[in-house]
Amino acid sequence: TQGYEKTTLRAIAESLNVAVGNVTYYYPRKEDLVRGYHDLVMEAFLPDRDAAVQGDDPWTAYFLVEYRFLHFITFDEKTAGLYVSFTNVPSLRELYISTHQALFLSFFPEPPFSEEEAMASTIAMCALQFGMIQSLRTRDGFHFPETMRRIFEARLAFLKMEPSACAISIDRAITLGMGMPDVDIYGPGGPLAALVQP
């Protein structure tokens, strides 16, 4: 309730009823704890890539994982609150960008674009994602699938690609994403179940 900047690792440990040393052993800094949370959430959606891949279509798989991940962090109130609070912390923005750059490149072992183009497209896409999480999601008329389509098209523009080149992949990823059940991140067996255990 006091925001990212004012929350200490000691306060986090106390809220979990564990010794601060147990927390700092695994997460020496708050940034490490947030990265751990972010990585666990993202990893929950990586199996979605298998549902998307037909032949050699890394674009559909990539768009689907991003779509599902962003749907979760936009609409899960606990997670959205966390992301809203830290999107203005430079070190966490940088962490988010580097994680999403690595995710993106993992789908393209031999990318048809330069590393500089990939980074520019990741920075632009992340900036749009931050705006969506911070303000768009609470506005009347907000339509998540259409917003994600525009964010994906922005990535393609920064890669110097025509959006029409990946229109089928974007459509397929959004259709698949809308039809898949929500991942129970906090439920039994979920990657974050330990955070809600009594």
Protein backbone atom coordinates (compact mmCIF):
# COMPACT_ATOMS: atom_id res chain seq x y z
CA THR A 1 0.00 0.00 0.00
CA GLN A 2 2.98 2.34 0.33
CA GLY A 3 4.34 1.79 -3.18
CA TYR A 4 7.51 0.30 -4.53
CA GLU A 5 9.90 3.06 -3.45
CA LYS A 6 8.90 3.01 0.23
CA THR A 7 8.50 -0.74 0.61
CA THR A 8 11.53 -2.43 2.15
CA LEU A 9 12.69 -6.03 1.97
CA ARG A 10 12.24 -6.14 5.75
CA ALA A 11 8.56 -5.17 5.36
CA ILE A 12 8.12 -7.81 2.67
CA ALA A 13 9.71 -10.45 4.90
CA GLU A 14 7.48 -9.44 7.82
CA SER A 15 4.35 -9.66 5.66
CA LEU A 16 5.40 -13.21 4.67
CA ASN A 17 6.25 -14.14 8.27
CA VAL A 18 9.81 -15.08 7.34
CA ALA A 19 13.18 -13.80 8.47
CA VAL A 20 14.58 -10.96 6.36
CA GLY A 21 17.69 -13.12 5.81
CA ASN A 22 15.56 -15.74 4.05
CA VAL A 23 14.35 -13.10 1.60
CA THR A 24 17.73 -11.43 1.06
CA TYR A 25 19.44 -14.80 0.54
CA TYR A 26 17.45 -15.27 -2.68
CA TYR A 27 16.74 -11.61 -3.47
CA PRO A 28 19.52 -9.30 -2.23
CA ARG A 29 17.76 -6.21 -3.66
CA LYS A 30 14.13 -5.27 -4.27
CA GLU A 31 14.88 -5.23 -7.99
CA ASP A 32 15.90 -8.90 -7.76
CA LEU A 33 12.61 -9.76 -6.05
CA VAL A 34 10.60 -7.92 -8.71
CA ARG A 35 12.58 -9.59 -11.48
CA GLY A 36 11.90 -12.98 -9.87
CA TYR A 37 8.18 -12.20 -9.78
CA HIS A 38 8.22 -10.94 -13.37
CA ASP A 39 10.11 -14.00 -14.60
CA LEU A 40 7.74 -16.41 -12.82
CA VAL A 41 4.72 -14.69 -14.37
CA MET A 42 6.29 -14.66 -17.84
CA GLU A 43 7.36 -18.31 -17.58
CA ALA A 44 3.76 -19.28 -16.83
CA PHE A 45 2.87 -18.27 -20.40
CA LEU A 46 5.81 -19.83 -22.25
CA PRO A 47 3.94 -23.15 -22.75
CA ASP A 48 1.48 -21.13 -24.88
CA ARG A 49 4.11 -20.96 -27.60
CA ASP A 50 3.62 -24.68 -28.24
CA ALA A 51 -0.09 -24.09 -28.85
CA ALA A 52 0.74 -21.44 -31.45
CA VAL A 53 3.51 -23.00 -33.46
CA GLN A 54 2.45 -24.51 -36.73
CA GLY A 55 5.36 -25.14 -39.02
CA ASP A 56 7.83 -22.29 -38.81
CA ASP A 57 5.78 -19.38 -37.50
CA PRO A 58 7.72 -17.80 -34.63
CA TRP A 59 5.68 -14.60 -34.97
CA THR A 60 2.40 -16.21 -33.88
CA ALA A 61 4.14 -17.92 -30.96
CA TYR A 62 5.85 -14.71 -29.87
CA PHE A 63 2.71 -12.57 -30.20
CA LEU A 64 0.68 -15.15 -28.27
CA VAL A 65 3.08 -15.27 -25.31
CA GLU A 66 3.22 -11.45 -25.14
CA TYR A 67 -0.56 -11.19 -25.51
CA ARG A 68 -1.26 -13.65 -22.69
CA PHE A 69 1.40 -12.17 -20.41
CA LEU A 70 0.15 -8.62 -20.96
CA HIS A 71 -3.48 -9.64 -20.52
CA PHE A 72 -2.58 -11.06 -17.12
CA ILE A 73 -0.54 -8.08 -15.91
CA THR A 74 -3.17 -5.65 -17.19
CA PHE A 75 -6.22 -7.28 -15.62
CA ASP A 76 -4.93 -9.06 -12.51
CA GLU A 77 -5.33 -6.28 -9.94
CA LYS A 78 -2.46 -7.42 -7.70
CA THR A 79 -0.06 -7.56 -10.61
CA ALA A 80 -1.34 -4.45 -12.38
CA GLY A 81 -0.84 -2.45 -9.20
CA LEU A 82 2.74 -3.66 -8.94
CA TYR A 83 3.50 -2.82 -12.56
CA VAL A 84 1.89 0.61 -12.30
CA SER A 85 4.00 1.41 -9.24
CA PHE A 86 7.32 0.46 -10.77
CA THR A 87 7.03 1.55 -14.40
CA ASN A 88 8.53 4.90 -13.40
CA VAL A 89 11.50 3.33 -11.59
CA PRO A 90 14.35 3.52 -14.15
CA SER A 91 16.15 0.35 -13.02
CA LEU A 92 12.91 -1.65 -13.20
CA ARG A 93 11.97 -0.24 -16.60
CA GLU A 94 15.41 -1.28 -17.82
CA LEU A 95 14.94 -4.75 -16.31
CA TYR A 96 11.53 -5.09 -18.02
CA ILE A 97 12.97 -4.00 -21.37
CA SER A 98 15.95 -6.38 -21.18
CA THR A 99 13.69 -9.30 -20.21
CA HIS A 100 11.34 -8.61 -23.13
CA GLN A 101 14.25 -8.19 -25.54
CA ALA A 102 15.59 -11.61 -24.49
CA LEU A 103 12.11 -13.13 -24.82
CA PHE A 104 11.67 -11.65 -28.30
CA LEU A 105 15.06 -12.82 -29.54
CA SER A 106 14.46 -16.32 -28.14
CA PHE A 107 11.84 -16.84 -30.86
CA PHE A 108 14.26 -15.90 -33.64
CA PRO A 109 17.54 -17.85 -33.46
CA GLU A 110 18.51 -16.36 -36.84
CA PRO A 111 16.65 -13.05 -36.82
CA PRO A 112 15.74 -11.32 -40.07
CA PHE A 113 16.52 -7.96 -38.42
CA SER A 114 19.49 -6.33 -36.72
CA GLU A 115 20.03 -6.32 -32.97
CA GLU A 116 19.68 -2.51 -32.99
CA GLU A 117 16.31 -2.75 -34.76
CA ALA A 118 15.20 -5.41 -32.30
CA MET A 119 16.17 -3.24 -29.32
CA ALA A 120 14.48 -0.14 -30.76
CA SER A 121 11.31 -2.15 -31.36
CA THR A 122 11.44 -3.60 -27.84
CA ILE A 123 11.85 -0.17 -26.24
CA ALA A 124 8.94 1.23 -28.26
CA MET A 125 6.72 -1.75 -27.50
CA CYS A 126 7.51 -1.62 -23.78
CA ALA A 127 6.76 2.10 -23.65
CA LEU A 128 3.35 1.43 -25.19
CA GLN A 129 2.78 -1.42 -22.74
CA PHE A 130 3.60 0.86 -19.80
CA GLY A 131 1.09 3.42 -21.06
CA MET A 132 -1.57 0.74 -21.45
CA ILE A 133 -1.01 -0.58 -17.92
CA GLN A 134 -0.85 2.89 -16.35
CA SER A 135 -3.80 4.60 -17.98
CA LEU A 136 -5.56 2.93 -20.89
CA ARG A 137 -6.86 -0.09 -18.95
CA THR A 138 -9.06 2.11 -16.74
CA ARG A 139 -10.66 4.13 -19.56
CA ASP A 140 -14.11 3.58 -20.98
CA GLY A 141 -13.98 1.92 -24.36
CA PHE A 142 -10.61 0.28 -23.74
CA HIS A 143 -10.40 -2.77 -25.99
CA PHE A 144 -7.43 -4.96 -25.08
CA PRO A 145 -7.21 -7.06 -28.28
CA GLU A 146 -7.24 -4.00 -30.55
CA THR A 147 -4.70 -2.20 -28.36
CA MET A 148 -2.42 -5.22 -28.51
CA ARG A 149 -2.78 -5.33 -32.30
CA ARG A 150 -1.54 -1.73 -32.46
CA ILE A 151 1.34 -2.45 -30.07
CA PHE A 152 2.43 -5.42 -32.19
CA GLU A 153 2.19 -3.30 -35.34
CA ALA A 154 4.38 -0.65 -33.68
CA ARG A 155 7.03 -3.31 -33.01
CA LEU A 156 6.94 -4.29 -36.68
CA ALA A 157 7.26 -0.67 -37.78
CA PHE A 158 10.42 -0.29 -35.69
CA LEU A 159 11.73 -3.47 -37.32
CA LYS A 160 11.10 -1.76 -40.68
CA MET A 161 8.48 -4.35 -41.56
CA GLU A 162 5.04 -3.77 -42.97
CA PRO A 163 2.34 -4.78 -40.46
CA SER A 164 0.60 -6.63 -43.28
CA ALA A 165 3.60 -9.01 -43.38
CA CYS A 166 2.55 -10.42 -40.01
CA ALA A 167 -1.18 -9.65 -40.03
CA ILE A 168 -2.15 -13.33 -40.11
CA SER A 169 0.21 -14.11 -37.22
CA ILE A 170 -1.17 -11.23 -35.17
CA ASP A 171 -4.77 -12.26 -35.88
CA ARG A 172 -4.05 -15.86 -35.02
CA ALA A 173 -2.25 -14.98 -31.77
CA ILE A 174 -5.06 -12.69 -30.63
CA THR A 175 -7.73 -15.25 -31.53
CA LEU A 176 -5.82 -17.98 -29.70
CA GLY A 177 -5.20 -15.70 -26.72
CA MET A 178 -8.86 -14.74 -26.43
CA GLY A 179 -9.91 -18.39 -26.55
CA MET A 180 -7.49 -19.74 -23.96
CA PRO A 181 -8.48 -20.00 -20.29
CA ASP A 182 -6.74 -17.74 -17.82
CA VAL A 183 -3.64 -19.21 -16.20
CA ASP A 184 -4.19 -19.67 -12.47
CA ILE A 185 -0.92 -18.08 -11.40
CA TYR A 186 -1.81 -18.11 -7.69
CA GLY A 187 -3.72 -21.41 -7.56
CA PRO A 188 -2.43 -24.78 -6.36
CA GLY A 189 0.55 -25.73 -8.47
CA GLY A 190 0.74 -22.25 -10.02
CA PRO A 191 4.12 -20.48 -10.11
CA LEU A 192 3.03 -17.93 -7.50
CA ALA A 193 1.01 -20.23 -5.23
CA ALA A 194 3.55 -19.80 -2.43
CA LEU A 195 2.75 -16.09 -2.28
CA VAL A 196 -0.82 -16.72 -1.20
CA GLN A 197 -0.35 -19.76 1.03
CA PRO A 198 -1.46 -19.20 4.64
